[in-house]
C-alpha atoms as a PDB file:
ATOM      1  CA  UNK A   1     -11.778  82.314 -75.812  1.00  0.00           C
ATOM      2  CA  UNK A   2     -13.268  82.240 -72.323  1.00  0.00           C
ATOM      3  CA  UNK A   3     -12.938  79.563 -69.643  1.00  0.00           C
ATOM      4  CA  UNK A   4     -14.967  79.249 -66.455  1.00  0.00           C
ATOM      5  CA  UNK A   5     -13.385  77.741 -63.331  1.00  0.00           C
ATOM      6  CA  UNK A   6     -15.884  76.190 -60.921  1.00  0.00           C
ATOM      7  CA  UNK A   7     -14.752  76.093 -57.300  1.00  0.00           C
ATOM      8  CA  UNK A   8     -17.225  74.262 -55.014  1.00  0.00           C
ATOM      9  CA  UNK A   9     -16.508  75.312 -51.425  1.00  0.00           C
ATOM     10  CA  UNK A  10     -17.425  74.290 -47.915  1.00  0.00           C
ATOM     11  CA  UNK A  11     -15.340  75.657 -45.022  1.00  0.00           C
ATOM     12  CA  UNK A  12     -12.477  76.816 -47.228  1.00  0.00           C
ATOM     13  CA  UNK A  13     -12.121  80.371 -45.877  1.00  0.00           C
ATOM     14  CA  UNK A  14      -8.412  79.795 -45.297  1.00  0.00           C
ATOM     15  CA  UNK A  15      -7.781  78.683 -48.873  1.00  0.00           C
ATOM     16  CA  UNK A  16     -10.161  80.458 -51.191  1.00  0.00           C
ATOM     17  CA  UNK A  17      -8.515  83.871 -51.608  1.00  0.00           C
ATOM     18  CA  UNK A  18      -5.019  82.502 -52.222  1.00  0.00           C
ATOM     19  CA  UNK A  19      -6.410  79.843 -54.565  1.00  0.00           C
ATOM     20  CA  UNK A  20      -8.347  82.303 -56.739  1.00  0.00           C
ATOM     21  CA  UNK A  21      -5.316  84.592 -56.921  1.00  0.00           C
ATOM     22  CA  UNK A  22      -3.101  81.676 -57.985  1.00  0.00           C
ATOM     23  CA  UNK A  23      -5.588  80.522 -60.613  1.00  0.00           C
ATOM     24  CA  UNK A  24      -5.719  84.022 -62.112  1.00  0.00           C
ATOM     25  CA  UNK A  25      -1.924  84.206 -62.072  1.00  0.00           C
ATOM     26  CA  UNK A  26      -1.607  80.988 -64.082  1.00  0.00           C
ATOM     27  CA  UNK A  27      -4.372  81.704 -66.583  1.00  0.00           C
ATOM     28  CA  UNK A  28      -3.072  81.917 -70.178  1.00  0.00           C
ATOM     29  CA  UNK A  29      -3.025  85.519 -71.423  1.00  0.00           C
ATOM     30  CA  UNK A  30      -5.115  84.629 -74.482  1.00  0.00           C
ATOM     31  CA  UNK A  31      -7.945  83.106 -72.407  1.00  0.00           C
ATOM     32  CA  UNK A  32     -10.508  85.226 -70.562  1.00  0.00           C
ATOM     33  CA  UNK A  33     -11.034  83.875 -67.025  1.00  0.00           C
ATOM     34  CA  UNK A  34     -14.293  83.520 -65.151  1.00  0.00           C
ATOM     35  CA  UNK A  35     -14.031  82.181 -61.593  1.00  0.00           C
ATOM     36  CA  UNK A  36     -17.204  80.891 -59.936  1.00  0.00           C
ATOM     37  CA  UNK A  37     -16.927  80.291 -56.185  1.00  0.00           C
ATOM     38  CA  UNK A  38     -19.961  78.145 -55.368  1.00  0.00           C
ATOM     39  CA  UNK A  39     -20.320  78.011 -51.591  1.00  0.00           C
ATOM     40  CA  UNK A  40     -22.639  75.694 -49.663  1.00  0.00           C
ATOM     41  CA  UNK A  41     -23.320  78.230 -46.883  1.00  0.00           C
ATOM     42  CA  UNK A  42     -20.080  77.426 -45.063  1.00  0.00           C
ATOM     43  CA  UNK A  43     -20.111  77.980 -41.275  1.00  0.00           C
ATOM     44  CA  UNK A  44     -16.642  79.534 -41.571  1.00  0.00           C
ATOM     45  CA  UNK A  45     -18.098  82.232 -43.883  1.00  0.00           C
ATOM     46  CA  UNK A  46     -16.135  81.245 -46.978  1.00  0.00           C
ATOM     47  CA  UNK A  47     -18.694  83.122 -49.052  1.00  0.00           C
ATOM     48  CA  UNK A  48     -18.194  86.358 -47.118  1.00  0.00           C
ATOM     49  CA  UNK A  49     -14.404  86.071 -47.287  1.00  0.00           C
ATOM     50  CA  UNK A  50     -14.453  85.548 -51.059  1.00  0.00           C
ATOM     51  CA  UNK A  51     -17.043  88.271 -51.645  1.00  0.00           C
ATOM     52  CA  UNK A  52     -15.056  90.822 -49.664  1.00  0.00           C
ATOM     53  CA  UNK A  53     -11.752  89.943 -51.325  1.00  0.00           C
ATOM     54  CA  UNK A  54     -13.057  90.062 -54.901  1.00  0.00           C
ATOM     55  CA  UNK A  55     -16.004  92.456 -54.766  1.00  0.00           C
ATOM     56  CA  UNK A  56     -14.332  94.735 -57.331  1.00  0.00           C
ATOM     57  CA  UNK A  57     -13.019  92.002 -59.609  1.00  0.00           C
ATOM     58  CA  UNK A  58     -15.508  91.258 -62.386  1.00  0.00           C
ATOM     59  CA  UNK A  59     -13.655  88.044 -63.195  1.00  0.00           C
ATOM     60  CA  UNK A  60     -14.784  86.455 -59.912  1.00  0.00           C
ATOM     61  CA  UNK A  61     -18.398  85.598 -59.055  1.00  0.00           C
ATOM     62  CA  UNK A  62     -19.452  84.264 -55.664  1.00  0.00           C
ATOM     63  CA  UNK A  63     -22.596  82.124 -55.467  1.00  0.00           C
ATOM     64  CA  UNK A  64     -24.181  81.245 -52.126  1.00  0.00           C
ATOM     65  CA  UNK A  65     -26.270  78.067 -51.957  1.00  0.00           C
ATOM     66  CA  UNK A  66     -28.476  77.378 -48.957  1.00  0.00           C
ATOM     67  CA  UNK A  67     -30.595  74.486 -50.276  1.00  0.00           C
ATOM     68  CA  UNK A  68     -29.973  71.099 -51.914  1.00  0.00           C
ATOM     69  CA  UNK A  69     -26.338  71.311 -50.893  1.00  0.00           C
ATOM     70  CA  UNK A  70     -23.505  68.923 -51.709  1.00  0.00           C
ATOM     71  CA  UNK A  71     -20.359  68.776 -53.836  1.00  0.00           C
ATOM     72  CA  UNK A  72     -21.906  67.484 -57.050  1.00  0.00           C
ATOM     73  CA  UNK A  73     -24.920  69.800 -56.779  1.00  0.00           C
ATOM     74  CA  UNK A  74     -22.593  72.775 -56.304  1.00  0.00           C
ATOM     75  CA  UNK A  75     -20.659  71.870 -59.423  1.00  0.00           C
ATOM     76  CA  UNK A  76     -23.928  71.565 -61.338  1.00  0.00           C
ATOM     77  CA  UNK A  77     -24.955  75.034 -60.105  1.00  0.00           C
ATOM     78  CA  UNK A  78     -21.645  76.417 -61.337  1.00  0.00           C
ATOM     79  CA  UNK A  79     -22.060  74.798 -64.744  1.00  0.00           C
ATOM     80  CA  UNK A  80     -25.514  76.343 -65.120  1.00  0.00           C
ATOM     81  CA  UNK A  81     -24.172  79.832 -64.364  1.00  0.00           C
ATOM     82  CA  UNK A  82     -20.911  79.572 -66.295  1.00  0.00           C
ATOM     83  CA  UNK A  83     -20.554  81.574 -69.504  1.00  0.00           C
ATOM     84  CA  UNK A  84     -17.203  80.244 -70.725  1.00  0.00           C
ATOM     85  CA  UNK A  85     -16.637  78.041 -73.755  1.00  0.00           C
ATOM     86  CA  UNK A  86     -14.640  75.721 -71.518  1.00  0.00           C
ATOM     87  CA  UNK A  87     -15.418  74.500 -68.005  1.00  0.00           C
ATOM     88  CA  UNK A  88     -12.664  73.769 -65.493  1.00  0.00           C
ATOM     89  CA  UNK A  89     -13.591  71.940 -62.284  1.00  0.00           C
ATOM     90  CA  UNK A  90     -11.131  71.653 -59.414  1.00  0.00           C
ATOM     91  CA  UNK A  91     -11.016  71.188 -55.661  1.00  0.00           C
ATOM     92  CA  UNK A  92     -10.563  74.222 -53.436  1.00  0.00           C
ATOM     93  CA  UNK A  93      -8.029  72.814 -50.966  1.00  0.00           C
ATOM     94  CA  UNK A  94      -4.942  73.226 -53.228  1.00  0.00           C
ATOM     95  CA  UNK A  95      -4.754  69.477 -53.867  1.00  0.00           C
ATOM     96  CA  UNK A  96      -5.371  70.313 -57.539  1.00  0.00           C
ATOM     97  CA  UNK A  97      -2.507  72.471 -58.761  1.00  0.00           C
ATOM     98  CA  UNK A  98      -3.526  75.649 -60.676  1.00  0.00           C
ATOM     99  CA  UNK A  99      -0.226  75.441 -62.561  1.00  0.00           C
ATOM    100  CA  UNK A 100      -1.762  72.627 -64.626  1.00  0.00           C
ATOM    101  CA  UNK A 101      -4.471  74.894 -66.078  1.00  0.00           C
ATOM    102  CA  UNK A 102      -2.584  76.247 -69.142  1.00  0.00           C
ATOM    103  CA  UNK A 103      -1.589  72.758 -70.304  1.00  0.00           C
ATOM    104  CA  UNK A 104      -5.079  71.350 -69.724  1.00  0.00           C
ATOM    105  CA  UNK A 105      -6.739  74.204 -71.619  1.00  0.00           C
ATOM    106  CA  UNK A 106      -4.339  73.803 -74.525  1.00  0.00           C
ATOM    107  CA  UNK A 107      -5.117  70.084 -74.864  1.00  0.00           C
ATOM    108  CA  UNK A 108      -8.858  70.763 -74.413  1.00  0.00           C
ATOM    109  CA  UNK A 109      -8.888  72.481 -77.797  1.00  0.00           C
ATOM    110  CA  UNK A 110      -8.495  68.993 -79.310  1.00  0.00           C
ATOM    111  CA  UNK A 111     -10.208  66.677 -76.805  1.00  0.00           C
ATOM    112  CA  UNK A 112     -13.690  66.877 -75.281  1.00  0.00           C
ATOM    113  CA  UNK A 113     -12.486  66.053 -71.751  1.00  0.00           C
ATOM    114  CA  UNK A 114      -9.003  66.539 -70.320  1.00  0.00           C
ATOM    115  CA  UNK A 115      -8.557  64.869 -66.935  1.00  0.00           C
ATOM    116  CA  UNK A 116      -5.646  65.466 -64.588  1.00  0.00           C
ATOM    117  CA  UNK A 117      -4.737  61.905 -63.598  1.00  0.00           C
ATOM    118  CA  UNK A 118      -2.764  60.627 -60.627  1.00  0.00           C
ATOM    119  CA  UNK A 119      -2.351  57.173 -62.102  1.00  0.00           C
ATOM    120  CA  UNK A 120      -1.233  57.573 -65.706  1.00  0.00           C
ATOM    121  CA  UNK A 121       2.514  57.714 -66.327  1.00  0.00           C
ATOM    122  CA  UNK A 122       3.993  60.760 -64.587  1.00  0.00           C
ATOM    123  CA  UNK A 123       1.036  61.333 -62.264  1.00  0.00           C
ATOM    124  CA  UNK A 124       1.298  61.092 -58.493  1.00  0.00           C
ATOM    125  CA  UNK A 125      -0.122  62.228 -55.162  1.00  0.00           C
ATOM    126  CA  UNK A 126       1.789  63.611 -52.190  1.00  0.00           C
ATOM    127  CA  UNK A 127      -0.556  61.975 -49.667  1.00  0.00           C
ATOM    128  CA  UNK A 128       0.744  58.393 -50.002  1.00  0.00           C
ATOM    129  CA  UNK A 129      -1.995  56.748 -47.919  1.00  0.00           C
ATOM    130  CA  UNK A 130      -4.699  58.437 -49.972  1.00  0.00           C
ATOM    131  CA  UNK A 131      -2.819  57.632 -53.167  1.00  0.00           C
ATOM    132  CA  UNK A 132      -2.620  53.899 -52.443  1.00  0.00           C
ATOM    133  CA  UNK A 133      -6.258  53.675 -51.315  1.00  0.00           C
ATOM    134  CA  UNK A 134      -7.448  55.534 -54.422  1.00  0.00           C
ATOM    135  CA  UNK A 135      -5.235  53.407 -56.672  1.00  0.00           C
ATOM    136  CA  UNK A 136      -6.707  50.185 -55.290  1.00  0.00           C
ATOM    137  CA  UNK A 137     -10.253  51.485 -55.556  1.00  0.00           C
ATOM    138  CA  UNK A 138      -9.666  52.647 -59.112  1.00  0.00           C
ATOM    139  CA  UNK A 139      -8.587  49.136 -60.076  1.00  0.00           C
ATOM    140  CA  UNK A 140     -11.939  47.914 -58.800  1.00  0.00           C
ATOM    141  CA  UNK A 141     -13.806  50.619 -60.695  1.00  0.00           C
ATOM    142  CA  UNK A 142     -11.983  49.801 -63.920  1.00  0.00           C
ATOM    143  CA  UNK A 143     -13.038  46.166 -63.652  1.00  0.00           C
ATOM    144  CA  UNK A 144     -16.594  46.943 -62.591  1.00  0.00           C
ATOM    145  CA  UNK A 145     -17.213  49.666 -65.177  1.00  0.00           C
ATOM    146  CA  UNK A 146     -15.073  48.033 -67.871  1.00  0.00           C
ATOM    147  CA  UNK A 147     -13.132  51.206 -68.564  1.00  0.00           C
ATOM    148  CA  UNK A 148      -9.491  51.858 -69.429  1.00  0.00           C
ATOM    149  CA  UNK A 149      -9.523  55.252 -67.702  1.00  0.00           C
ATOM    150  CA  UNK A 150      -6.829  55.209 -65.034  1.00  0.00           C
ATOM    151  CA  UNK A 151      -8.191  57.814 -62.610  1.00  0.00           C
ATOM    152  CA  UNK A 152     -11.973  57.693 -62.240  1.00  0.00           C
ATOM    153  CA  UNK A 153     -12.073  59.784 -59.059  1.00  0.00           C
ATOM    154  CA  UNK A 154      -9.662  62.663 -59.670  1.00  0.00           C
ATOM    155  CA  UNK A 155     -12.235  65.378 -60.307  1.00  0.00           C
ATOM    156  CA  UNK A 156      -9.747  67.812 -61.886  1.00  0.00           C
ATOM    157  CA  UNK A 157     -10.848  68.266 -65.473  1.00  0.00           C
ATOM    158  CA  UNK A 158     -11.497  70.612 -68.375  1.00  0.00           C
ATOM    159  CA  UNK A 159     -14.421  70.079 -70.712  1.00  0.00           C
ATOM    160  CA  UNK A 160     -16.081  71.933 -73.547  1.00  0.00           C
ATOM    161  CA  UNK A 161     -19.255  73.408 -72.061  1.00  0.00           C
ATOM    162  CA  UNK A 162     -21.389  72.466 -75.060  1.00  0.00           C
ATOM    163  CA  UNK A 163     -20.372  68.822 -74.688  1.00  0.00           C
ATOM    164  CA  UNK A 164     -20.904  68.869 -70.929  1.00  0.00           C
ATOM    165  CA  UNK A 165     -24.449  70.242 -70.999  1.00  0.00           C
ATOM    166  CA  UNK A 166     -25.382  67.687 -73.678  1.00  0.00           C
ATOM    167  CA  UNK A 167     -24.940  64.899 -71.100  1.00  0.00           C
ATOM    168  CA  UNK A 168     -27.731  63.810 -68.690  1.00  0.00           C
ATOM    169  CA  UNK A 169     -26.768  66.196 -65.881  1.00  0.00           C
ATOM    170  CA  UNK A 170     -29.558  64.999 -63.563  1.00  0.00           C
ATOM    171  CA  UNK A 171     -28.138  61.486 -63.643  1.00  0.00           C
ATOM    172  CA  UNK A 172     -24.567  62.658 -63.083  1.00  0.00           C
ATOM    173  CA  UNK A 173     -24.494  65.497 -60.586  1.00  0.00           C
ATOM    174  CA  UNK A 174     -25.701  64.174 -57.255  1.00  0.00           C
ATOM    175  CA  UNK A 175     -23.897  62.775 -54.251  1.00  0.00           C
ATOM    176  CA  UNK A 176     -20.234  63.495 -53.669  1.00  0.00           C
ATOM    177  CA  UNK A 177     -17.155  62.571 -55.713  1.00  0.00           C
ATOM    178  CA  UNK A 178     -18.824  59.650 -57.471  1.00  0.00           C
ATOM    179  CA  UNK A 179     -20.276  62.205 -59.889  1.00  0.00           C
ATOM    180  CA  UNK A 180     -16.927  62.075 -61.713  1.00  0.00           C
ATOM    181  CA  UNK A 181     -16.994  58.441 -62.743  1.00  0.00           C
ATOM    182  CA  UNK A 182     -20.633  58.881 -63.733  1.00  0.00           C
ATOM    183  CA  UNK A 183     -19.566  61.812 -65.914  1.00  0.00           C
ATOM    184  CA  UNK A 184     -16.852  59.723 -67.555  1.00  0.00           C
ATOM    185  CA  UNK A 185     -19.235  56.799 -68.011  1.00  0.00           C
ATOM    186  CA  UNK A 186     -21.869  58.835 -69.850  1.00  0.00           C
ATOM    187  CA  UNK A 187     -19.199  60.700 -71.830  1.00  0.00           C
ATOM    188  CA  UNK A 188     -17.757  57.412 -73.058  1.00  0.00           C
ATOM    189  CA  UNK A 189     -21.204  56.139 -74.051  1.00  0.00           C
ATOM    190  CA  UNK A 190     -21.684  59.305 -76.113  1.00  0.00           C
ATOM    191  CA  UNK A 191     -18.362  58.696 -77.839  1.00  0.00           C
ATOM    192  CA  UNK A 192     -16.681  61.833 -76.483  1.00  0.00           C
ATOM    193  CA  UNK A 193     -12.905  62.083 -76.784  1.00  0.00           C
ATOM    194  CA  UNK A 194     -11.295  61.723 -73.340  1.00  0.00           C
ATOM    195  CA  UNK A 195      -7.605  62.085 -72.542  1.00  0.00           C
ATOM    196  CA  UNK A 196      -5.780  61.747 -69.233  1.00  0.00           C
ATOM    197  CA  UNK A 197      -2.652  63.770 -68.599  1.00  0.00           C
ATOM    198  CA  UNK A 198      -0.327  63.286 -65.621  1.00  0.00           C
ATOM    199  CA  UNK A 199      -0.963  65.527 -62.632  1.00  0.00           C
ATOM    200  CA  UNK A 200       0.524  65.612 -59.144  1.00  0.00           C
ATOM    201  CA  UNK A 201      -2.087  66.081 -56.441  1.00  0.00           C
ATOM    202  CA  UNK A 202      -0.690  68.140 -53.584  1.00  0.00           C
ATOM    203  CA  UNK A 203      -1.300  68.120 -49.841  1.00  0.00           C
ATOM    204  CA  UNK A 204      -4.135  70.204 -48.421  1.00  0.00           C
ATOM    205  CA  UNK A 205      -2.751  73.551 -47.224  1.00  0.00           C
ATOM    206  CA  UNK A 206      -5.442  74.546 -44.722  1.00  0.00           C
ATOM    207  CA  UNK A 207      -8.381  72.991 -42.883  1.00  0.00           C
ATOM    208  CA  UNK A 208      -9.572  69.411 -42.700  1.00  0.00           C
ATOM    209  CA  UNK A 209     -10.879  67.068 -45.360  1.00  0.00           C
ATOM    210  CA  UNK A 210     -14.650  66.622 -45.529  1.00  0.00           C
ATOM    211  CA  UNK A 211     -14.280  63.065 -46.834  1.00  0.00           C
ATOM    212  CA  UNK A 212     -15.179  59.976 -44.803  1.00  0.00           C
ATOM    213  CA  UNK A 213     -13.527  56.850 -46.186  1.00  0.00           C
ATOM    214  CA  UNK A 214     -16.221  54.397 -45.106  1.00  0.00           C
ATOM    215  CA  UNK A 215     -19.182  56.458 -46.269  1.00  0.00           C
ATOM    216  CA  UNK A 216     -17.422  57.197 -49.560  1.00  0.00           C
ATOM    217  CA  UNK A 217     -16.587  53.509 -50.065  1.00  0.00           C
ATOM    218  CA  UNK A 218     -20.198  52.431 -49.707  1.00  0.00           C
ATOM    219  CA  UNK A 219     -21.757  55.322 -51.653  1.00  0.00           C
ATOM    220  CA  UNK A 220     -19.203  55.091 -54.474  1.00  0.00           C
ATOM    221  CA  UNK A 221     -19.536  51.311 -54.689  1.00  0.00           C
ATOM    222  CA  UNK A 222     -23.321  51.551 -54.839  1.00  0.00           C
ATOM    223  CA  UNK A 223     -23.099  54.161 -57.602  1.00  0.00           C
ATOM    224  CA  UNK A 224     -20.659  52.007 -59.595  1.00  0.00           C
ATOM    225  CA  UNK A 225     -22.835  48.900 -59.263  1.00  0.00           C
ATOM    226  CA  UNK A 226     -25.888  50.849 -60.437  1.00  0.00           C
ATOM    227  CA  UNK A 227     -23.939  52.052 -63.480  1.00  0.00           C
ATOM    228  CA  UNK A 228     -22.845  48.489 -64.268  1.00  0.00           C
ATOM    229  CA  UNK A 229     -26.436  47.256 -63.998  1.00  0.00           C
ATOM    230  CA  UNK A 230     -27.595  50.097 -66.216  1.00  0.00           C
ATOM    231  CA  UNK A 231     -25.010  49.156 -68.829  1.00  0.00           C
ATOM    232  CA  UNK A 232     -26.113  45.528 -68.792  1.00  0.00           C
ATOM    233  CA  UNK A 233     -29.757  46.541 -69.130  1.00  0.00           C
ATOM    234  CA  UNK A 234     -29.008  48.773 -72.123  1.00  0.00           C
ATOM    235  CA  UNK A 235     -26.919  46.012 -73.700  1.00  0.00           C
ATOM    236  CA  UNK A 236     -29.811  43.544 -73.389  1.00  0.00           C
ATOM    237  CA  UNK A 237     -32.202  46.062 -74.916  1.00  0.00           C
ATOM    238  CA  UNK A 238     -29.774  46.575 -77.783  1.00  0.00           C
ATOM    239  CA  UNK A 239     -29.511  42.837 -78.436  1.00  0.00           C
ATOM    240  CA  UNK A 240     -33.305  42.508 -78.458  1.00  0.00           C
ATOM    241  CA  UNK A 241     -33.532  45.364 -80.970  1.00  0.00           C
ATOM    242  CA  UNK A 242     -31.006  43.677 -83.272  1.00  0.00           C
ATOM    243  CA  UNK A 243     -32.997  40.452 -83.216  1.00  0.00           C
END
């Protein structure tokens, strides 16, 4: 079995080498690893740092993107180039703990999507301010999208590649972190099996966050409202068909 880890990067030169090494250290011995560092032409030369460190390691591929940049687009680019049976997506700032990978891969043999959740029993986040803000926003998303998923913004997940590429990728992978609740939304509509397992999100080890709370609030809220409207429109069409 082979699993591809997609690492979207922007100004993560101080993290990327240590992160890839830790991921490889935690990979189960019976799973072949493929690490895809997808860099959005970082000013701090993340791409060059990763390329130099792993130029002789066939398990690591570094992809430089200079156009149509952004987090969700980078993940999409990684998915398109991945060759593993399973896809793992995680942040590159050490907030997502590589130690969770073996457990997530094991459960992914049964479920279509395994999501590392901060908000199901046993999950947590070391950044308390971020944790509380995300918890409150997730309550809103659950009401708006009518979902029982606890963590709609975590972004640390494992998914069977065949199931992932069967979803409408153009509708999902644009913008920033809102791609994740779009992914879950379309996966649920397709009837895919989703499970959340507890995960503890750690503090960033190096560099500064690229997130802006206000811009994220407005862009995420707009994306959620559009999904809700889409769901209502499809429901009306379904009722008309039944009649």
